[in-house]
Protein backbone atom coordinates (compact mmCIF):
# COMPACT_ATOMS: atom_id res chain seq x y z
CA MET A 1 7.59 20.37 -12.02
CA LEU A 2 7.26 18.81 -7.94
CA THR A 3 8.40 15.09 -9.95
CA GLU A 4 11.72 16.68 -11.09
CA GLY A 5 11.89 18.48 -7.68
CA ARG A 6 15.20 18.17 -4.91
CA ASN A 7 14.11 16.70 -1.63
CA VAL A 8 15.83 18.00 0.84
CA ARG A 9 14.93 15.36 3.41
CA SER A 10 16.98 13.20 1.11
CA ALA A 11 19.62 15.61 0.14
CA HIS A 12 22.53 13.25 1.90
CA ILE A 13 21.23 9.72 1.25
CA ASP A 14 24.45 8.65 -0.53
CA SER A 15 26.26 8.70 3.31
CA ALA A 16 23.25 7.05 5.03
CA SER A 17 23.88 4.25 6.71
CA THR A 18 21.42 1.37 4.82
CA ILE A 19 18.83 1.12 7.63
CA ASP A 20 18.34 5.30 7.82
CA LEU A 21 18.43 5.12 3.74
CA LEU A 22 15.45 2.64 4.25
CA MET A 23 14.04 4.95 6.59
CA ILE A 24 14.15 8.09 4.88
CA MET A 25 12.67 6.07 1.57
CA ASN A 26 9.83 4.19 4.36
CA ASP A 27 9.19 8.15 5.51
CA GLU A 28 8.44 9.66 2.31
CA ASP A 29 6.34 6.21 0.80
CA ALA A 30 4.38 7.22 4.09
CA LEU A 31 2.90 10.01 2.63
CA VAL A 32 1.24 8.45 -0.58
CA ALA A 33 -1.53 7.02 0.95
CA GLN A 34 -2.76 10.21 2.30
CA VAL A 35 -2.43 12.25 -1.47
CA VAL A 36 -4.65 9.21 -2.67
CA ARG A 37 -6.70 9.50 -0.17
CA ASN A 38 -7.14 13.24 -1.28
CA ALA A 39 -7.98 12.54 -4.31
CA LEU A 40 -10.62 9.96 -3.73
CA PRO A 41 -13.79 12.04 -4.80
CA ASN A 42 -11.93 12.35 -8.48
CA ILE A 43 -11.37 8.61 -8.42
CA ALA A 44 -15.16 8.04 -7.51
CA LEU A 45 -16.32 9.60 -10.36
CA THR A 46 -13.78 8.11 -12.42
CA VAL A 47 -15.56 4.24 -11.25
CA ASP A 48 -18.78 5.24 -12.19
CA MET A 49 -17.56 6.90 -15.39
CA ILE A 50 -15.97 2.84 -16.18
CA VAL A 51 -18.85 0.83 -14.86
CA SER A 52 -21.53 3.17 -16.95
CA HIS A 53 -19.63 3.14 -20.31
CA ILE A 54 -18.67 -0.98 -19.58
CA GLN A 55 -22.36 -1.63 -19.03
CA ASP A 56 -23.17 0.41 -22.28
CA GLY A 57 -20.55 -2.34 -24.24
CA GLY A 58 -17.13 -0.56 -23.97
CA ARG A 59 -14.04 -1.00 -22.51
CA LEU A 60 -11.36 0.43 -20.18
CA ILE A 61 -7.86 1.18 -22.06
CA TYR A 62 -4.87 2.23 -20.17
CA VAL A 63 -2.37 4.42 -22.08
CA GLY A 64 1.00 5.05 -20.76
CA ALA A 65 4.51 5.23 -21.22
CA GLY A 66 7.41 3.78 -19.36
CA THR A 67 6.65 3.04 -15.79
CA SER A 68 3.36 4.62 -16.36
CA GLY A 69 2.43 1.92 -19.39
CA ARG A 70 3.92 -1.20 -17.10
CA LEU A 71 1.71 0.09 -14.53
CA GLY A 72 -1.43 -0.02 -16.80
CA VAL A 73 -0.95 -3.33 -18.65
CA LEU A 74 -0.23 -5.12 -15.07
CA ASP A 75 -3.72 -3.82 -14.00
CA ALA A 76 -5.40 -4.85 -17.14
CA VAL A 77 -3.31 -8.44 -17.17
CA GLU A 78 -5.15 -9.25 -13.51
CA CYS A 79 -8.32 -8.13 -13.74
CA VAL A 80 -8.70 -11.42 -16.46
CA PRO A 81 -7.66 -14.17 -13.38
CA THR A 82 -9.31 -12.02 -10.77
CA PHE A 83 -12.44 -10.66 -12.39
CA GLY A 84 -13.23 -13.51 -14.96
CA THR A 85 -13.06 -10.72 -17.52
CA PRO A 86 -12.29 -11.00 -20.86
CA PRO A 87 -9.38 -9.89 -22.18
CA GLU A 88 -10.57 -7.38 -24.68
CA LEU A 89 -12.52 -5.62 -21.67
CA VAL A 90 -9.28 -3.93 -20.17
CA ILE A 91 -6.62 -3.21 -21.98
CA GLY A 92 -3.16 -1.94 -21.32
CA ILE A 93 -1.68 0.28 -23.91
CA ILE A 94 2.14 0.98 -23.72
CA ALA A 95 4.27 3.68 -25.69
CA GLY A 96 6.95 1.28 -27.69
CA GLY A 97 4.49 -2.25 -27.33
CA SER A 98 5.11 -5.00 -25.88
CA THR A 99 8.95 -4.51 -26.45
CA ALA A 100 8.51 -1.47 -23.96
CA LEU A 101 7.38 -3.68 -21.26
CA THR A 102 11.01 -5.09 -20.68
CA ASN A 103 13.29 -2.84 -22.56
CA ALA A 104 13.20 0.79 -22.81
CA VAL A 105 12.13 2.15 -26.21
CA GLU A 106 14.41 4.62 -27.07
CA GLY A 107 11.94 8.19 -27.68
CA ALA A 108 8.28 6.77 -27.55
CA GLU A 109 7.25 8.12 -25.57
CA ASP A 110 7.58 11.38 -27.09
CA ARG A 111 5.68 10.69 -30.18
CA THR A 112 2.01 12.33 -29.78
CA GLN A 113 1.09 10.29 -33.51
CA ASP A 114 1.58 7.17 -31.68
CA GLY A 115 -0.98 7.57 -28.75
CA ARG A 116 -3.49 8.41 -31.50
CA SER A 117 -2.36 5.54 -33.73
CA ASP A 118 -2.33 2.72 -31.35
CA LEU A 119 -5.65 3.51 -29.96
CA GLU A 120 -7.36 4.01 -33.29
CA ALA A 121 -4.97 0.16 -33.69
CA VAL A 122 -7.63 -1.49 -31.07
CA SER A 123 -10.47 0.60 -32.66
CA LEU A 124 -11.07 2.85 -30.09
CA SER A 125 -15.29 4.02 -29.58
CA LYS A 126 -17.36 6.66 -27.66
CA ARG A 127 -18.31 3.67 -25.33
CA ASP A 128 -14.73 3.16 -23.91
CA VAL A 129 -12.82 5.11 -21.25
CA VAL A 130 -9.06 6.16 -21.81
CA VAL A 131 -7.49 6.21 -18.54
CA GLY A 132 -3.72 7.93 -19.37
CA ILE A 133 -0.89 7.47 -17.10
CA ALA A 134 1.34 9.88 -16.86
CA ALA A 135 3.44 10.94 -13.57
CA SER A 136 4.66 14.30 -15.32
CA GLY A 137 1.41 15.03 -16.77
CA ARG A 138 2.88 15.67 -19.77
CA THR A 139 4.23 12.82 -21.91
CA PRO A 140 3.61 13.32 -25.43
CA TYR A 141 2.35 10.11 -25.97
CA VAL A 142 -0.09 10.02 -23.37
CA LEU A 143 -1.51 13.40 -24.35
CA GLY A 144 -1.68 12.80 -27.84
CA ALA A 145 -3.68 9.14 -26.99
CA VAL A 146 -6.23 11.28 -24.64
CA ALA A 147 -6.61 13.97 -27.27
CA TYR A 148 -7.67 11.44 -30.16
CA ALA A 149 -10.27 10.26 -27.06
CA ASN A 150 -11.91 13.28 -26.67
CA GLU A 151 -12.34 14.16 -30.73
CA ILE A 152 -14.09 10.30 -30.65
CA GLY A 153 -16.31 11.13 -27.88
CA ALA A 154 -15.05 8.63 -25.39
CA GLY A 155 -14.19 8.83 -21.17
CA THR A 156 -11.34 10.34 -20.66
CA ILE A 157 -9.41 10.66 -17.31
CA GLY A 158 -5.67 11.59 -16.47
CA ILE A 159 -3.65 10.51 -13.60
CA ALA A 160 -0.52 12.72 -13.20
CA CYS A 161 1.51 13.32 -10.00
CA ASN A 162 2.11 17.16 -10.96
CA ASP A 163 -1.20 19.35 -10.59
CA PRO A 164 -1.41 21.22 -12.48
CA SER A 165 -0.53 19.59 -15.73
CA PRO A 166 -1.20 19.34 -19.37
CA LEU A 167 -2.97 15.89 -19.71
CA LEU A 168 -5.13 16.88 -16.26
CA GLU A 169 -6.33 19.51 -17.80
CA ILE A 170 -7.48 17.96 -21.47
CA ALA A 171 -8.98 15.05 -19.67
CA GLN A 172 -12.43 15.36 -18.62
CA ILE A 173 -12.19 13.81 -15.10
CA LYS A 174 -8.58 14.22 -13.50
CA ILE A 175 -7.08 12.51 -10.87
CA GLY A 176 -3.82 14.50 -9.31
CA LEU A 177 -1.43 12.81 -6.84
CA PRO A 178 1.30 15.21 -6.05
CA VAL A 179 3.18 13.19 -4.15
CA GLY A 180 5.85 15.68 -4.28
CA PRO A 181 9.54 15.11 -5.19
CA GLU A 182 11.36 11.55 -5.44
CA VAL A 183 13.72 10.48 -2.93
CA ILE A 184 16.35 9.95 -6.06
CA THR A 185 15.16 13.26 -7.67
CA GLY A 186 13.12 12.37 -11.28
CA SER A 187 13.10 8.98 -10.25
CA THR A 188 8.92 8.52 -11.22
CA ARG A 189 8.91 5.08 -10.63
CA LEU A 190 9.36 5.78 -6.69
CA LYS A 191 6.37 7.45 -4.63
CA SER A 192 4.89 8.71 -8.11
CA GLY A 193 4.71 4.71 -9.07
CA THR A 194 3.27 4.04 -6.01
CA ALA A 195 0.53 6.58 -5.73
CA GLN A 196 -0.66 5.59 -9.27
CA LYS A 197 -0.28 1.81 -9.10
CA MET A 198 -3.05 2.89 -5.94
CA ALA A 199 -5.47 4.70 -7.82
CA LEU A 200 -5.00 1.94 -10.73
CA ASN A 201 -6.19 -0.56 -7.73
CA MET A 202 -9.24 1.00 -6.98
CA LEU A 203 -10.16 1.92 -10.69
CA SER A 204 -10.16 -1.73 -11.47
CA THR A 205 -11.23 -3.32 -8.45
CA ALA A 206 -14.21 -0.96 -7.29
CA SER A 207 -15.32 -0.90 -10.50
CA MET A 208 -15.34 -4.86 -10.87
CA VAL A 209 -17.15 -4.94 -7.40
CA LYS A 210 -19.86 -2.84 -8.81
CA LEU A 211 -20.01 -4.60 -11.61
CA GLY A 212 -21.24 -7.98 -9.42
CA LYS A 213 -17.60 -9.85 -9.79
CA VAL A 214 -17.43 -9.93 -6.17
CA TYR A 215 -19.99 -11.38 -3.97
CA ASP A 216 -19.63 -10.04 -0.18
CA ASN A 217 -15.30 -9.48 -0.69
CA LEU A 218 -15.16 -13.05 -2.48
CA MET A 219 -13.79 -13.24 -5.96
CA VAL A 220 -16.83 -15.01 -6.93
CA ASP A 221 -15.72 -14.49 -10.91
CA VAL A 222 -12.21 -16.09 -10.46
CA LYS A 223 -11.36 -18.18 -13.24
CA VAL A 224 -9.29 -21.15 -12.73
CA THR A 225 -6.25 -21.43 -14.10
CA ASN A 226 -4.11 -23.14 -11.64
CA GLU A 227 -3.50 -25.18 -8.55
CA LYS A 228 -3.84 -22.30 -6.56
CA LEU A 229 -7.13 -20.53 -8.08
CA ALA A 230 -8.84 -24.14 -8.25
CA ASP A 231 -8.69 -24.50 -4.37
CA ARG A 232 -9.80 -20.99 -4.11
CA ALA A 233 -12.86 -21.91 -5.77
CA GLN A 234 -13.61 -24.79 -4.23
CA ARG A 235 -13.38 -22.67 -0.77
CA ILE A 236 -15.18 -19.62 -2.17
CA VAL A 237 -18.17 -22.48 -3.47
CA SER A 238 -18.20 -24.11 -0.33
CA GLU A 239 -18.40 -20.95 1.84
CA ILE A 240 -21.44 -18.90 -0.26
CA ALA A 241 -23.27 -22.23 -1.00
CA GLY A 242 -22.92 -24.01 2.57
CA VAL A 243 -21.64 -27.58 1.33
CA ASP A 244 -18.74 -29.08 2.42
CA TYR A 245 -15.42 -28.77 -0.03
CA ASN A 246 -15.74 -32.05 -1.47
CA GLU A 247 -19.12 -30.94 -2.50
CA ALA A 248 -18.09 -27.75 -3.63
CA GLY A 249 -15.89 -29.54 -6.31
CA ARG A 250 -18.47 -31.93 -7.73
CA LEU A 251 -20.87 -28.58 -8.19
CA LEU A 252 -17.40 -27.12 -9.92
CA ARG A 253 -16.64 -29.95 -11.75
CA GLU A 254 -20.53 -29.94 -13.17
CA THR A 255 -20.46 -25.72 -13.93
CA ALA A 256 -17.31 -26.00 -16.07
CA ASN A 257 -15.47 -24.55 -12.97
CA ASN A 258 -18.14 -21.33 -12.79
CA VAL A 259 -17.75 -20.53 -9.81
CA LYS A 260 -21.76 -18.27 -9.52
CA THR A 261 -23.18 -21.12 -11.47
CA ALA A 262 -22.30 -23.53 -9.13
CA ILE A 263 -23.30 -21.43 -6.11
CA VAL A 264 -26.77 -21.01 -7.97
CA VAL A 265 -27.32 -24.68 -8.86
CA SER A 266 -26.56 -25.29 -5.30
CA LYS A 267 -28.59 -22.68 -3.33
CA ARG A 268 -31.26 -22.52 -6.60
CA HIS A 269 -31.62 -26.60 -6.80
CA VAL A 270 -31.63 -26.13 -10.31
CA THR A 271 -29.87 -27.15 -13.64
CA PRO A 272 -26.63 -25.58 -14.23
CA GLU A 273 -28.55 -24.03 -17.49
CA GLU A 274 -31.02 -22.20 -15.50
CA ALA A 275 -28.83 -21.04 -12.90
CA GLU A 276 -27.05 -19.40 -15.92
CA ARG A 277 -30.15 -17.91 -17.06
CA LEU A 278 -31.18 -16.80 -13.91
CA LEU A 279 -27.45 -14.89 -13.09
CA ALA A 280 -27.74 -13.54 -16.99
CA ASN A 281 -31.53 -12.33 -16.34
CA ALA A 282 -29.18 -10.86 -13.04
CA GLU A 283 -26.70 -9.25 -15.13
CA GLY A 284 -24.09 -11.04 -12.86
CA GLN A 285 -25.03 -9.83 -9.61
CA LEU A 286 -24.82 -13.31 -7.05
CA HIS A 287 -26.80 -11.32 -4.77
CA GLN A 288 -30.00 -10.79 -6.89
CA VAL A 289 -30.40 -14.70 -7.87
CA ILE A 290 -29.17 -15.98 -4.63
CA ASP A 291 -30.26 -13.52 -1.92
CA GLU A 292 -34.50 -12.86 -2.93
């Protein structure tokens, strides 16, 4: 497996100076972006699948073990404040459960049946999309999850840094990210983890853009959960609605801190209730409501 190979460029890293050690790591990291670019056609297919399934009432479910599982959970959790999604829309499942987020759970990734059981626990349906993430492409837990998703008729995606690999063979869409041997042999939290993170960023972000969660490049479904996000929401309303900062704050208070509703109230001169109706009819696509 490429992910377990020895990297000749870092063979003497233990005797390198600090700056040379870091240069070796940086040079290796520079290779990752091109590998992800090569996978863009299949990443695009995946985004279109996710959007279609979510519009049909489905969910996006990440499944992984170890670093791969943690990256999936991270991406899922960040969708809530960034795009205002309900917590159950994008789910991250990691082998060993929540304990595995901060502590290694011995043998968790080796239990094929657990992948199936964990998807059964969230009532997987054919409307959902399951993204199996495994640097090696052969983690039993992830293979079990994706095999079960195929049985159910759900959409299945495989993300692996070994291509070919068992995971990519059974997934409906394969995202191969062959970044090559790691600086520290087998430490797939490095280049492999970076490549997976970049791919996951694209999957969630592009899907949410296409679902109307972004206007231009502004996060118009942001949830106001702290002072920083409250300020961001106010600036977004101010910019899109063309009102001053204080008026934007008043609009947000009038609309329970719903950025889209506040913008429509201002731009269309309607009540909050009417603004929500207009947005619902446009399936949340702000462009359709205010750019007519």
